[in-house]
PDB file of N, CA and C in Angstrom:
ATOM      1  N   MET A   1       0.378  -1.931  -7.208  1.00  0.00           N
ATOM      2  CA  MET A   1      -0.612  -1.621  -8.114  1.00  0.00           C
ATOM      3  C   MET A   1       0.121  -1.031  -9.314  1.00  0.00           C
ATOM      4  N   GLY A   2       1.559  -1.189  -9.458  1.00  0.00           N
ATOM      5  CA  GLY A   2       2.080  -0.355 -10.181  1.00  0.00           C
ATOM      6  C   GLY A   2       1.939  -0.708 -11.769  1.00  0.00           C
ATOM      7  N   LEU A   3       1.681  -2.242 -11.703  1.00  0.00           N
ATOM      8  CA  LEU A   3       0.951  -2.915 -13.116  1.00  0.00           C
ATOM      9  C   LEU A   3      -0.529  -2.333 -13.388  1.00  0.00           C
ATOM     10  N   ALA A   4      -1.173  -1.464 -12.831  1.00  0.00           N
ATOM     11  CA  ALA A   4      -2.480  -1.598 -13.106  1.00  0.00           C
ATOM     12  C   ALA A   4      -2.790  -1.113 -13.961  1.00  0.00           C
ATOM     13  N   SER A   5      -2.104   0.125 -14.828  1.00  0.00           N
ATOM     14  CA  SER A   5      -2.046   0.493 -16.320  1.00  0.00           C
ATOM     15  C   SER A   5      -1.894  -0.726 -17.069  1.00  0.00           C
ATOM     16  N   SER A   6      -1.243  -1.563 -16.965  1.00  0.00           N
ATOM     17  CA  SER A   6      -1.009  -2.756 -17.810  1.00  0.00           C
ATOM     18  C   SER A   6      -2.271  -3.808 -17.943  1.00  0.00           C
ATOM     19  N   ILE A   7      -2.894  -4.213 -16.401  1.00  0.00           N
ATOM     20  CA  ILE A   7      -3.814  -4.735 -16.208  1.00  0.00           C
ATOM     21  C   ILE A   7      -4.927  -4.364 -16.846  1.00  0.00           C
ATOM     22  N   VAL A   8      -5.329  -3.261 -16.762  1.00  0.00           N
ATOM     23  CA  VAL A   8      -6.488  -2.418 -17.441  1.00  0.00           C
ATOM     24  C   VAL A   8      -6.479  -2.452 -18.979  1.00  0.00           C
ATOM     25  N   ARG A   9      -5.326  -2.450 -19.392  1.00  0.00           N
ATOM     26  CA  ARG A   9      -5.096  -2.583 -20.841  1.00  0.00           C
ATOM     27  C   ARG A   9      -5.309  -4.097 -21.244  1.00  0.00           C
ATOM     28  N   GLY A  10      -4.549  -4.728 -20.988  1.00  0.00           N
ATOM     29  CA  GLY A  10      -4.641  -6.285 -20.989  1.00  0.00           C
ATOM     30  C   GLY A  10      -5.965  -7.079 -20.946  1.00  0.00           C
ATOM     31  N   VAL A  11      -6.223  -6.889 -19.458  1.00  0.00           N
ATOM     32  CA  VAL A  11      -7.304  -7.517 -19.045  1.00  0.00           C
ATOM     33  C   VAL A  11      -8.572  -6.909 -19.257  1.00  0.00           C
ATOM     34  N   PHE A  12      -8.624  -5.740 -19.351  1.00  0.00           N
ATOM     35  CA  PHE A  12     -10.086  -5.009 -19.506  1.00  0.00           C
ATOM     36  C   PHE A  12     -10.452  -4.535 -20.708  1.00  0.00           C
ATOM     37  N   GLY A  13      -9.261  -4.633 -21.452  1.00  0.00           N
ATOM     38  CA  GLY A  13      -9.422  -3.790 -22.831  1.00  0.00           C
ATOM     39  C   GLY A  13      -9.548  -2.585 -23.114  1.00  0.00           C
ATOM     40  N   ILE A  14      -9.187  -1.534 -21.916  1.00  0.00           N
ATOM     41  CA  ILE A  14      -9.520  -0.304 -21.839  1.00  0.00           C
ATOM     42  C   ILE A  14      -7.872   0.257 -21.868  1.00  0.00           C
ATOM     43  N   ASP A  15      -7.766   0.927 -23.614  1.00  0.00           N
ATOM     44  CA  ASP A  15      -6.540   1.581 -23.570  1.00  0.00           C
ATOM     45  C   ASP A  15      -6.714   3.229 -23.520  1.00  0.00           C
ATOM     46  N   SER A  16      -6.775   3.854 -22.312  1.00  0.00           N
ATOM     47  CA  SER A  16      -6.909   4.969 -21.633  1.00  0.00           C
ATOM     48  C   SER A  16      -5.788   5.390 -20.486  1.00  0.00           C
ATOM     49  N   GLY A  17      -5.222   6.619 -21.382  1.00  0.00           N
ATOM     50  CA  GLY A  17      -4.187   6.630 -20.251  1.00  0.00           C
ATOM     51  C   GLY A  17      -4.719   7.347 -18.817  1.00  0.00           C
ATOM     52  N   LEU A  18      -5.981   7.979 -18.926  1.00  0.00           N
ATOM     53  CA  LEU A  18      -6.726   8.637 -17.920  1.00  0.00           C
ATOM     54  C   LEU A  18      -7.160   7.404 -17.019  1.00  0.00           C
ATOM     55  N   VAL A  19      -7.570   6.322 -17.435  1.00  0.00           N
ATOM     56  CA  VAL A  19      -8.108   5.243 -16.562  1.00  0.00           C
ATOM     57  C   VAL A  19      -6.712   4.331 -16.107  1.00  0.00           C
ATOM     58  N   GLY A  20      -5.916   4.679 -16.797  1.00  0.00           N
ATOM     59  CA  GLY A  20      -4.648   3.618 -16.425  1.00  0.00           C
ATOM     60  C   GLY A  20      -3.890   4.470 -15.514  1.00  0.00           C
ATOM     61  N   GLY A  21      -3.558   5.787 -15.572  1.00  0.00           N
ATOM     62  CA  GLY A  21      -3.175   6.555 -14.402  1.00  0.00           C
ATOM     63  C   GLY A  21      -4.264   6.534 -13.265  1.00  0.00           C
ATOM     64  N   ALA A  22      -5.335   6.559 -13.394  1.00  0.00           N
ATOM     65  CA  ALA A  22      -6.140   6.794 -12.262  1.00  0.00           C
ATOM     66  C   ALA A  22      -6.161   5.640 -11.358  1.00  0.00           C
ATOM     67  N   THR A  23      -5.948   4.331 -12.075  1.00  0.00           N
ATOM     68  CA  THR A  23      -5.867   2.822 -11.426  1.00  0.00           C
ATOM     69  C   THR A  23      -4.353   2.901 -10.667  1.00  0.00           C
ATOM     70  N   THR A  24      -3.298   3.557 -11.171  1.00  0.00           N
ATOM     71  CA  THR A  24      -2.144   3.485 -10.760  1.00  0.00           C
ATOM     72  C   THR A  24      -2.033   4.595  -9.537  1.00  0.00           C
ATOM     73  N   PHE A  25      -2.694   5.418  -9.394  1.00  0.00           N
ATOM     74  CA  PHE A  25      -2.602   6.389  -8.667  1.00  0.00           C
ATOM     75  C   PHE A  25      -3.451   6.058  -7.203  1.00  0.00           C
ATOM     76  N   VAL A  26      -4.326   5.312  -7.085  1.00  0.00           N
ATOM     77  CA  VAL A  26      -5.490   5.178  -5.900  1.00  0.00           C
ATOM     78  C   VAL A  26      -4.684   4.508  -4.816  1.00  0.00           C
ATOM     79  N   GLU A  27      -3.764   3.321  -5.141  1.00  0.00           N
ATOM     80  CA  GLU A  27      -3.011   2.776  -4.140  1.00  0.00           C
ATOM     81  C   GLU A  27      -1.966   3.756  -3.230  1.00  0.00           C
ATOM     82  N   PRO A  28      -1.099   4.363  -3.952  1.00  0.00           N
ATOM     83  CA  PRO A  28      -0.261   5.595  -3.160  1.00  0.00           C
ATOM     84  C   PRO A  28      -1.040   6.583  -2.466  1.00  0.00           C
ATOM     85  N   ALA A  29      -2.074   6.887  -3.190  1.00  0.00           N
ATOM     86  CA  ALA A  29      -2.463   7.735  -2.741  1.00  0.00           C
ATOM     87  C   ALA A  29      -3.674   7.679  -1.279  1.00  0.00           C
ATOM     88  N   ALA A  30      -4.215   6.477  -1.197  1.00  0.00           N
ATOM     89  CA  ALA A  30      -4.524   5.771  -0.192  1.00  0.00           C
ATOM     90  C   ALA A  30      -3.717   5.459   0.847  1.00  0.00           C
ATOM     91  N   ALA A  31      -2.514   5.179   0.487  1.00  0.00           N
ATOM     92  CA  ALA A  31      -1.465   4.797   1.608  1.00  0.00           C
ATOM     93  C   ALA A  31      -0.965   6.163   2.202  1.00  0.00           C
ATOM     94  N   ALA A  32      -0.961   7.645   1.502  1.00  0.00           N
ATOM     95  CA  ALA A  32      -0.692   8.486   1.967  1.00  0.00           C
ATOM     96  C   ALA A  32      -1.527   8.935   3.129  1.00  0.00           C
ATOM     97  N   ILE A  33      -2.911   8.733   2.538  1.00  0.00           N
ATOM     98  CA  ILE A  33      -4.098   9.228   3.296  1.00  0.00           C
ATOM     99  C   ILE A  33      -3.922   8.318   4.743  1.00  0.00           C
ATOM    100  N   ALA A  34      -3.993   7.211   4.472  1.00  0.00           N
ATOM    101  CA  ALA A  34      -3.876   6.486   5.593  1.00  0.00           C
ATOM    102  C   ALA A  34      -3.020   6.584   6.883  1.00  0.00           C
ATOM    103  N   GLY A  35      -1.600   6.880   6.075  1.00  0.00           N
ATOM    104  CA  GLY A  35      -0.550   6.926   6.968  1.00  0.00           C
ATOM    105  C   GLY A  35      -0.780   8.140   8.169  1.00  0.00           C
ATOM    106  N   VAL A  36      -1.339   8.929   7.625  1.00  0.00           N
ATOM    107  CA  VAL A  36      -1.825  10.261   8.403  1.00  0.00           C
ATOM    108  C   VAL A  36      -2.831   9.842   9.564  1.00  0.00           C
ATOM    109  N   TRP A  37      -4.006   9.334   8.587  1.00  0.00           N
ATOM    110  CA  TRP A  37      -5.028   8.581   9.349  1.00  0.00           C
ATOM    111  C   TRP A  37      -4.774   8.062  10.693  1.00  0.00           C
ATOM    112  N   VAL A  38      -4.156   7.144  10.810  1.00  0.00           N
ATOM    113  CA  VAL A  38      -4.032   5.980  11.753  1.00  0.00           C
ATOM    114  C   VAL A  38      -2.936   6.557  12.703  1.00  0.00           C
ATOM    115  N   GLY A  39      -2.520   7.989  12.719  1.00  0.00           N
ATOM    116  CA  GLY A  39      -1.928   8.227  13.696  1.00  0.00           C
ATOM    117  C   GLY A  39      -2.433   8.483  15.177  1.00  0.00           C
ATOM    118  N   GLN A  40      -3.328   8.126  15.379  1.00  0.00           N
ATOM    119  CA  GLN A  40      -3.947   8.152  16.456  1.00  0.00           C
ATOM    120  C   GLN A  40      -4.396   6.925  16.964  1.00  0.00           C
ATOM    121  N   LEU A  41      -4.036   5.986  16.204  1.00  0.00           N
ATOM    122  CA  LEU A  41      -4.228   4.423  16.791  1.00  0.00           C
ATOM    123  C   LEU A  41      -3.029   3.899  17.453  1.00  0.00           C
ATOM    124  N   ALA A  42      -2.961   2.998  18.112  1.00  0.00           N
ATOM    125  CA  ALA A  42      -1.503   2.554  18.641  1.00  0.00           C
ATOM    126  C   ALA A  42      -0.911   2.167  17.596  1.00  0.00           C
ATOM    127  N   PRO A  43       0.707   2.121  17.683  1.00  0.00           N
ATOM    128  CA  PRO A  43       1.142   1.628  16.427  1.00  0.00           C
ATOM    129  C   PRO A  43       1.111   0.029  16.677  1.00  0.00           C
ATOM    130  N   ARG A  44       0.665  -0.794  17.231  1.00  0.00           N
ATOM    131  CA  ARG A  44       0.708  -2.425  17.211  1.00  0.00           C
ATOM    132  C   ARG A  44      -0.630  -2.308  16.350  1.00  0.00           C
ATOM    133  N   ARG A  45      -1.592  -1.583  16.956  1.00  0.00           N
ATOM    134  CA  ARG A  45      -3.240  -1.825  16.294  1.00  0.00           C
ATOM    135  C   ARG A  45      -3.012  -1.276  14.905  1.00  0.00           C
ATOM    136  N   ALA A  46      -2.556  -0.404  14.354  1.00  0.00           N
ATOM    137  CA  ALA A  46      -2.180   0.346  13.161  1.00  0.00           C
ATOM    138  C   ALA A  46      -1.424  -0.971  12.365  1.00  0.00           C
ATOM    139  N   THR A  47      -0.398  -1.403  12.684  1.00  0.00           N
ATOM    140  CA  THR A  47       0.537  -2.524  11.982  1.00  0.00           C
ATOM    141  C   THR A  47      -0.416  -3.794  11.923  1.00  0.00           C
ATOM    142  N   ILE A  48      -1.308  -4.097  12.424  1.00  0.00           N
ATOM    143  CA  ILE A  48      -2.152  -5.288  12.294  1.00  0.00           C
ATOM    144  C   ILE A  48      -3.135  -5.074  11.531  1.00  0.00           C
ATOM    145  N   LEU A  49      -3.715  -4.092  11.865  1.00  0.00           N
ATOM    146  CA  LEU A  49      -4.836  -3.607  10.761  1.00  0.00           C
ATOM    147  C   LEU A  49      -4.440  -3.540   9.440  1.00  0.00           C
ATOM    148  N   GLY A  50      -3.306  -3.031   9.493  1.00  0.00           N
ATOM    149  CA  GLY A  50      -2.632  -2.458   8.504  1.00  0.00           C
ATOM    150  C   GLY A  50      -2.490  -3.933   7.467  1.00  0.00           C
ATOM    151  N   ALA A  51      -1.589  -4.924   8.360  1.00  0.00           N
ATOM    152  CA  ALA A  51      -1.240  -5.880   7.448  1.00  0.00           C
ATOM    153  C   ALA A  51      -2.711  -6.736   6.986  1.00  0.00           C
ATOM    154  N   ALA A  52      -3.593  -6.824   8.033  1.00  0.00           N
ATOM    155  CA  ALA A  52      -5.113  -7.332   7.299  1.00  0.00           C
ATOM    156  C   ALA A  52      -5.218  -6.711   5.988  1.00  0.00           C
ATOM    157  N   ALA A  53      -5.365  -5.416   6.407  1.00  0.00           N
ATOM    158  CA  ALA A  53      -6.057  -4.637   4.928  1.00  0.00           C
ATOM    159  C   ALA A  53      -5.169  -4.914   3.445  1.00  0.00           C
ATOM    160  N   VAL A  54      -3.840  -5.366   3.909  1.00  0.00           N
ATOM    161  CA  VAL A  54      -2.719  -5.494   2.889  1.00  0.00           C
ATOM    162  C   VAL A  54      -3.418  -6.895   2.246  1.00  0.00           C
ATOM    163  N   ALA A  55      -3.448  -7.935   3.151  1.00  0.00           N
ATOM    164  CA  ALA A  55      -4.018  -9.316   2.280  1.00  0.00           C
ATOM    165  C   ALA A  55      -5.283  -9.363   1.768  1.00  0.00           C
ATOM    166  N   ALA A  56      -6.228  -8.265   2.300  1.00  0.00           N
ATOM    167  CA  ALA A  56      -7.719  -8.434   1.965  1.00  0.00           C
ATOM    168  C   ALA A  56      -7.535  -7.849   0.587  1.00  0.00           C
ATOM    169  N   GLY A  57      -6.796  -6.703   0.603  1.00  0.00           N
ATOM    170  CA  GLY A  57      -6.802  -6.134  -1.068  1.00  0.00           C
ATOM    171  C   GLY A  57      -5.783  -6.721  -1.701  1.00  0.00           C
ATOM    172  N   ALA A  58      -4.995  -7.307  -1.420  1.00  0.00           N
ATOM    173  CA  ALA A  58      -4.305  -7.899  -2.760  1.00  0.00           C
ATOM    174  C   ALA A  58      -5.371  -9.351  -2.860  1.00  0.00           C
ATOM    175  N   SER A  59      -6.104  -9.937  -2.033  1.00  0.00           N
ATOM    176  CA  SER A  59      -6.680 -10.906  -2.215  1.00  0.00           C
ATOM    177  C   SER A  59      -8.294 -10.646  -3.189  1.00  0.00           C
ATOM    178  N   LEU A  60      -8.682  -9.347  -2.931  1.00  0.00           N
ATOM    179  CA  LEU A  60      -9.489  -8.808  -3.916  1.00  0.00           C
ATOM    180  C   LEU A  60      -9.137  -8.332  -5.293  1.00  0.00           C
ATOM    181  N   ILE A  61      -8.046  -7.822  -5.304  1.00  0.00           N
ATOM    182  CA  ILE A  61      -7.011  -7.640  -6.358  1.00  0.00           C
ATOM    183  C   ILE A  61      -7.007  -8.937  -7.560  1.00  0.00           C
ATOM    184  N   VAL A  62      -6.635  -9.861  -7.108  1.00  0.00           N
ATOM    185  CA  VAL A  62      -6.495 -11.157  -7.443  1.00  0.00           C
ATOM    186  C   VAL A  62      -7.856 -11.654  -8.073  1.00  0.00           C
ATOM    187  N   VAL A  63      -9.026 -11.756  -7.480  1.00  0.00           N
ATOM    188  CA  VAL A  63     -10.374 -12.275  -7.824  1.00  0.00           C
ATOM    189  C   VAL A  63     -10.741 -11.277  -8.788  1.00  0.00           C
ATOM    190  N   ALA A  64     -10.429  -9.755  -8.611  1.00  0.00           N
ATOM    191  CA  ALA A  64     -11.109  -9.141  -9.747  1.00  0.00           C
ATOM    192  C   ALA A  64     -10.378  -9.091 -11.081  1.00  0.00           C
ATOM    193  N   VAL A  65      -9.569  -9.210 -11.160  1.00  0.00           N
ATOM    194  CA  VAL A  65      -8.657  -9.863 -12.125  1.00  0.00           C
ATOM    195  C   VAL A  65      -9.071 -11.009 -13.016  1.00  0.00           C
ATOM    196  N   LEU A  66      -9.249 -12.236 -12.135  1.00  0.00           N
ATOM    197  CA  LEU A  66      -9.617 -13.305 -12.485  1.00  0.00           C
ATOM    198  C   LEU A  66     -10.961 -13.086 -13.081  1.00  0.00           C
ATOM    199  N   THR A  67     -11.813 -12.125 -12.708  1.00  0.00           N
ATOM    200  CA  THR A  67     -13.195 -12.219 -12.972  1.00  0.00           C
ATOM    201  C   THR A  67     -13.397 -10.768 -13.791  1.00  0.00           C
ATOM    202  N   ALA A  68     -12.322 -10.073 -14.111  1.00  0.00           N
ATOM    203  CA  ALA A  68     -12.207  -8.989 -14.864  1.00  0.00           C
ATOM    204  C   ALA A  68     -13.559  -7.881 -14.341  1.00  0.00           C
ATOM    205  N   ASN A  69     -13.409  -7.536 -13.289  1.00  0.00           N
ATOM    206  CA  ASN A  69     -14.029  -6.839 -12.407  1.00  0.00           C
ATOM    207  C   ASN A  69     -13.329  -5.279 -12.400  1.00  0.00           C
ATOM    208  N   LEU A  70     -13.233  -4.472 -12.987  1.00  0.00           N
ATOM    209  CA  LEU A  70     -12.323  -3.268 -12.866  1.00  0.00           C
ATOM    210  C   LEU A  70     -12.677  -2.468 -11.383  1.00  0.00           C
ATOM    211  N   PRO A  71     -14.001  -2.004 -11.142  1.00  0.00           N
ATOM    212  CA  PRO A  71     -14.308  -1.654  -9.917  1.00  0.00           C
ATOM    213  C   PRO A  71     -13.683  -2.408  -8.686  1.00  0.00           C
ATOM    214  N   ALA A  72     -13.884  -3.751  -8.966  1.00  0.00           N
ATOM    215  CA  ALA A  72     -13.281  -4.392  -7.303  1.00  0.00           C
ATOM    216  C   ALA A  72     -11.926  -4.378  -7.154  1.00  0.00           C
ATOM    217  N   MET A  73     -11.378  -4.066  -8.346  1.00  0.00           N
ATOM    218  CA  MET A  73      -9.901  -4.046  -8.599  1.00  0.00           C
ATOM    219  C   MET A  73      -9.080  -2.932  -7.828  1.00  0.00           C
ATOM    220  N   VAL A  74     -10.058  -1.553  -8.378  1.00  0.00           N
ATOM    221  CA  VAL A  74      -9.704  -0.281  -7.739  1.00  0.00           C
ATOM    222  C   VAL A  74     -10.057  -0.563  -6.462  1.00  0.00           C
ATOM    223  N   ILE A  75     -11.019  -1.369  -5.784  1.00  0.00           N
ATOM    224  CA  ILE A  75     -11.378  -1.075  -4.331  1.00  0.00           C
ATOM    225  C   ILE A  75     -10.132  -1.799  -3.698  1.00  0.00           C
ATOM    226  N   GLY A  76      -9.853  -3.008  -4.464  1.00  0.00           N
ATOM    227  CA  GLY A  76      -8.935  -3.650  -3.635  1.00  0.00           C
ATOM    228  C   GLY A  76      -7.422  -3.158  -3.682  1.00  0.00           C
ATOM    229  N   GLY A  77      -7.024  -2.105  -4.665  1.00  0.00           N
ATOM    230  CA  GLY A  77      -6.084  -1.418  -4.496  1.00  0.00           C
ATOM    231  C   GLY A  77      -6.074  -0.255  -3.577  1.00  0.00           C
ATOM    232  N   VAL A  78      -7.506   0.322  -3.199  1.00  0.00           N
ATOM    233  CA  VAL A  78      -7.313   1.007  -2.207  1.00  0.00           C
ATOM    234  C   VAL A  78      -7.449   0.417  -1.035  1.00  0.00           C
ATOM    235  N   MET A  79      -7.832  -0.508  -0.633  1.00  0.00           N
ATOM    236  CA  MET A  79      -7.818  -1.649   0.789  1.00  0.00           C
ATOM    237  C   MET A  79      -6.232  -1.559   1.019  1.00  0.00           C
ATOM    238  N   GLY A  80      -5.486  -2.259  -0.386  1.00  0.00           N
ATOM    239  CA  GLY A  80      -4.174  -2.377  -0.203  1.00  0.00           C
ATOM    240  C   GLY A  80      -3.252  -1.236   0.240  1.00  0.00           C
ATOM    241  N   GLY A  81      -3.556  -0.165  -0.506  1.00  0.00           N
ATOM    242  CA  GLY A  81      -3.078   1.460  -0.210  1.00  0.00           C
ATOM    243  C   GLY A  81      -3.058   1.502   1.431  1.00  0.00           C
ATOM    244  N   VAL A  82      -4.339   1.399   1.686  1.00  0.00           N
ATOM    245  CA  VAL A  82      -4.955   1.814   3.033  1.00  0.00           C
ATOM    246  C   VAL A  82      -3.962   0.840   4.045  1.00  0.00           C
ATOM    247  N   GLY A  83      -3.642  -0.447   3.886  1.00  0.00           N
ATOM    248  CA  GLY A  83      -3.175  -1.221   4.794  1.00  0.00           C
ATOM    249  C   GLY A  83      -1.789  -0.876   4.667  1.00  0.00           C
ATOM    250  N   PHE A  84      -1.136  -0.828   3.344  1.00  0.00           N
ATOM    251  CA  PHE A  84       0.448  -0.432   3.349  1.00  0.00           C
ATOM    252  C   PHE A  84       0.718   1.311   4.457  1.00  0.00           C
ATOM    253  N   GLY A  85       0.230   1.773   4.102  1.00  0.00           N
ATOM    254  CA  GLY A  85      -0.061   3.064   4.686  1.00  0.00           C
ATOM    255  C   GLY A  85      -0.345   2.922   6.284  1.00  0.00           C
ATOM    256  N   ALA A  86      -1.058   2.111   6.429  1.00  0.00           N
ATOM    257  CA  ALA A  86      -1.378   2.057   8.310  1.00  0.00           C
ATOM    258  C   ALA A  86      -0.015   1.028   8.843  1.00  0.00           C
ATOM    259  N   SER A  87       0.243   0.132   8.112  1.00  0.00           N
ATOM    260  CA  SER A  87       1.100  -0.803   8.762  1.00  0.00           C
ATOM    261  C   SER A  87       2.530   0.190   8.672  1.00  0.00           C
ATOM    262  N   PHE A  88       2.974   0.550   7.553  1.00  0.00           N
ATOM    263  CA  PHE A  88       3.954   1.272   7.613  1.00  0.00           C
ATOM    264  C   PHE A  88       4.093   2.591   8.808  1.00  0.00           C
ATOM    265  N   SER A  89       3.298   3.401   8.800  1.00  0.00           N
ATOM    266  CA  SER A  89       3.351   4.294   9.874  1.00  0.00           C
ATOM    267  C   SER A  89       3.318   3.433  11.245  1.00  0.00           C
ATOM    268  N   GLY A  90       2.588   2.253  11.524  1.00  0.00           N
ATOM    269  CA  GLY A  90       2.419   1.844  12.602  1.00  0.00           C
ATOM    270  C   GLY A  90       3.805   1.041  12.862  1.00  0.00           C
ATOM    271  N   ALA A  91       4.882   0.597  11.864  1.00  0.00           N
ATOM    272  CA  ALA A  91       5.968   0.032  12.296  1.00  0.00           C
ATOM    273  C   ALA A  91       7.033   1.212  12.686  1.00  0.00           C
ATOM    274  N   LEU A  92       6.889   2.007  11.781  1.00  0.00           N
ATOM    275  CA  LEU A  92       7.873   3.291  12.202  1.00  0.00           C
ATOM    276  C   LEU A  92       7.577   3.642  13.507  1.00  0.00           C
ATOM    277  N   ARG A  93       6.271   4.253  13.958  1.00  0.00           N
ATOM    278  CA  ARG A  93       6.327   4.581  15.129  1.00  0.00           C
ATOM    279  C   ARG A  93       6.511   3.571  16.474  1.00  0.00           C
ATOM    280  N   SER A  94       6.126   2.493  16.093  1.00  0.00           N
ATOM    281  CA  SER A  94       6.740   1.672  17.058  1.00  0.00           C
ATOM    282  C   SER A  94       7.894   1.308  17.367  1.00  0.00           C
ATOM    283  N   MET A  95       8.811   1.603  16.344  1.00  0.00           N
ATOM    284  CA  MET A  95      10.228   1.602  16.393  1.00  0.00           C
ATOM    285  C   MET A  95      11.036   2.521  16.689  1.00  0.00           C
ATOM    286  N   ALA A  96      10.414   3.513  16.659  1.00  0.00           N
ATOM    287  CA  ALA A  96      10.847   5.248  17.082  1.00  0.00           C
ATOM    288  C   ALA A  96      11.490   5.409  18.741  1.00  0.00           C
ATOM    289  N   PRO A  97      10.763   4.980  19.772  1.00  0.00           N
ATOM    290  CA  PRO A  97      11.095   4.810  20.878  1.00  0.00           C
ATOM    291  C   PRO A  97      12.419   3.905  21.420  1.00  0.00           C
ATOM    292  N   LEU A  98      12.611   3.179  20.406  1.00  0.00           N
ATOM    293  CA  LEU A  98      13.540   2.155  20.997  1.00  0.00           C
ATOM    294  C   LEU A  98      15.092   3.003  20.554  1.00  0.00           C
ATOM    295  N   ALA A  99      15.093   3.883  20.180  1.00  0.00           N
ATOM    296  CA  ALA A  99      16.659   4.308  19.648  1.00  0.00           C
ATOM    297  C   ALA A  99      16.314   5.958  20.028  1.00  0.00           C
ATOM    298  N   GLY A 100      17.856   6.703  20.831  1.00  0.00           N
ATOM    299  CA  GLY A 100      17.815   7.774  21.068  1.00  0.00           C
ATOM    300  C   GLY A 100      17.792   8.845  19.470  1.00  0.00           C
ATOM    301  N   PRO A 101      17.741  10.259  19.838  1.00  0.00           N
ATOM    302  CA  PRO A 101      17.729  10.707  18.360  1.00  0.00           C
ATOM    303  C   PRO A 101      19.287  10.327  17.406  1.00  0.00           C
ATOM    304  N   ARG A 102      20.117  10.187  18.156  1.00  0.00           N
ATOM    305  CA  ARG A 102      21.415  10.071  17.228  1.00  0.00           C
ATOM    306  C   ARG A 102      21.372   8.708  16.799  1.00  0.00           C
ATOM    307  N   GLN A 103      20.579   7.668  17.060  1.00  0.00           N
ATOM    308  CA  GLN A 103      20.882   6.267  16.595  1.00  0.00           C
ATOM    309  C   GLN A 103      19.726   6.122  15.800  1.00  0.00           C
ATOM    310  N   ARG A 104      18.765   6.883  15.661  1.00  0.00           N
ATOM    311  CA  ARG A 104      17.461   6.552  14.840  1.00  0.00           C
ATOM    312  C   ARG A 104      17.812   6.416  13.112  1.00  0.00           C
ATOM    313  N   ALA A 105      18.656   7.278  12.599  1.00  0.00           N
ATOM    314  CA  ALA A 105      18.918   6.825  11.136  1.00  0.00           C
ATOM    315  C   ALA A 105      19.119   5.286  11.264  1.00  0.00           C
ATOM    316  N   GLY A 106      20.288   4.789  11.732  1.00  0.00           N
ATOM    317  CA  GLY A 106      20.776   3.461  11.845  1.00  0.00           C
ATOM    318  C   GLY A 106      19.509   2.470  12.215  1.00  0.00           C
ATOM    319  N   LEU A 107      18.466   2.897  12.942  1.00  0.00           N
ATOM    320  CA  LEU A 107      17.367   2.200  13.495  1.00  0.00           C
ATOM    321  C   LEU A 107      16.268   1.973  12.051  1.00  0.00           C
ATOM    322  N   PHE A 108      16.038   3.180  11.182  1.00  0.00           N
ATOM    323  CA  PHE A 108      15.164   3.377  10.411  1.00  0.00           C
ATOM    324  C   PHE A 108      15.598   3.103   9.050  1.00  0.00           C
ATOM    325  N   ALA A 109      16.940   2.878   8.716  1.00  0.00           N
ATOM    326  CA  ALA A 109      17.453   2.893   7.581  1.00  0.00           C
ATOM    327  C   ALA A 109      17.418   1.520   6.869  1.00  0.00           C
ATOM    328  N   PRO A 110      17.461   0.131   7.781  1.00  0.00           N
ATOM    329  CA  PRO A 110      16.820  -0.919   7.197  1.00  0.00           C
ATOM    330  C   PRO A 110      15.491  -1.082   7.046  1.00  0.00           C
ATOM    331  N   ARG A 111      14.529  -0.388   7.681  1.00  0.00           N
ATOM    332  CA  ARG A 111      13.117  -0.657   7.233  1.00  0.00           C
ATOM    333  C   ARG A 111      13.110   0.216   5.726  1.00  0.00           C
ATOM    334  N   CYS A 112      13.823   1.528   5.846  1.00  0.00           N
ATOM    335  CA  CYS A 112      13.294   2.264   4.485  1.00  0.00           C
ATOM    336  C   CYS A 112      14.020   1.553   3.651  1.00  0.00           C
ATOM    337  N   THR A 113      15.172   1.018   3.822  1.00  0.00           N
ATOM    338  CA  THR A 113      15.660   0.187   2.473  1.00  0.00           C
ATOM    339  C   THR A 113      14.492  -1.194   2.068  1.00  0.00           C
ATOM    340  N   SER A 114      13.944  -1.939   3.037  1.00  0.00           N
ATOM    341  CA  SER A 114      13.287  -2.801   2.874  1.00  0.00           C
ATOM    342  C   SER A 114      11.792  -2.172   2.104  1.00  0.00           C
ATOM    343  N   TRP A 115      11.395  -1.150   2.549  1.00  0.00           N
ATOM    344  CA  TRP A 115      10.201  -0.550   2.004  1.00  0.00           C
ATOM    345  C   TRP A 115      10.729  -0.198   0.407  1.00  0.00           C
ATOM    346  N   ALA A 116      11.767   0.223   0.244  1.00  0.00           N
ATOM    347  CA  ALA A 116      12.404   0.603  -1.132  1.00  0.00           C
ATOM    348  C   ALA A 116      12.547  -0.165  -2.003  1.00  0.00           C
ATOM    349  N   THR A 117      12.771  -1.688  -1.641  1.00  0.00           N
ATOM    350  CA  THR A 117      13.039  -2.822  -2.174  1.00  0.00           C
ATOM    351  C   THR A 117      11.651  -3.525  -2.474  1.00  0.00           C
ATOM    352  N   TYR A 118      10.579  -3.543  -1.526  1.00  0.00           N
ATOM    353  CA  TYR A 118       9.319  -3.762  -1.917  1.00  0.00           C
ATOM    354  C   TYR A 118       8.573  -2.905  -3.139  1.00  0.00           C
ATOM    355  N   ARG A 119       8.820  -1.557  -3.074  1.00  0.00           N
ATOM    356  CA  ARG A 119       8.389  -0.843  -3.845  1.00  0.00           C
ATOM    357  C   ARG A 119       8.918  -0.944  -5.318  1.00  0.00           C
ATOM    358  N   SER A 120      10.034  -1.456  -5.443  1.00  0.00           N
ATOM    359  CA  SER A 120      10.678  -1.644  -6.684  1.00  0.00           C
ATOM    360  C   SER A 120      10.588  -2.996  -7.176  1.00  0.00           C
ATOM    361  N   ALA A 121       9.763  -4.043  -6.387  1.00  0.00           N
ATOM    362  CA  ALA A 121       9.615  -5.192  -6.620  1.00  0.00           C
ATOM    363  C   ALA A 121       8.438  -5.251  -7.015  1.00  0.00           C
ATOM    364  N   PHE A 122       7.482  -4.810  -6.309  1.00  0.00           N
ATOM    365  CA  PHE A 122       6.070  -4.516  -6.621  1.00  0.00           C
ATOM    366  C   PHE A 122       5.405  -3.302  -6.547  1.00  0.00           C
ATOM    367  N   PRO A 123       6.084  -2.738  -7.822  1.00  0.00           N
ATOM    368  CA  PRO A 123       5.384  -1.788  -8.244  1.00  0.00           C
ATOM    369  C   PRO A 123       3.903  -1.046  -8.022  1.00  0.00           C
TER     370      PRO A 123
END
């Protein structure tokens, strides 16, 4: 949803920094909250539910943009953010037991690199 402010301006005709910033903020905020919230779920379940939420949120965003429905776009961003936070948390928690303390950096580096690549490609 890094493009949210551009979508708000181009699709919805709203040229407000506050609205653009708020729509950009909701996805990472929801991801951060979800990452903590799903800590009580089993890692596999968190990852699967998160992946489903990402797909549902992305689909809702597409529909919202096509129908010029701003509230639906924000809800889709929240859903996608919750999904990303849940799946990222679940994936990290499922990998942690696979390596000892001295090997964890090597285990997590590719995952964190792929996350950074994802965030730079789809901000």
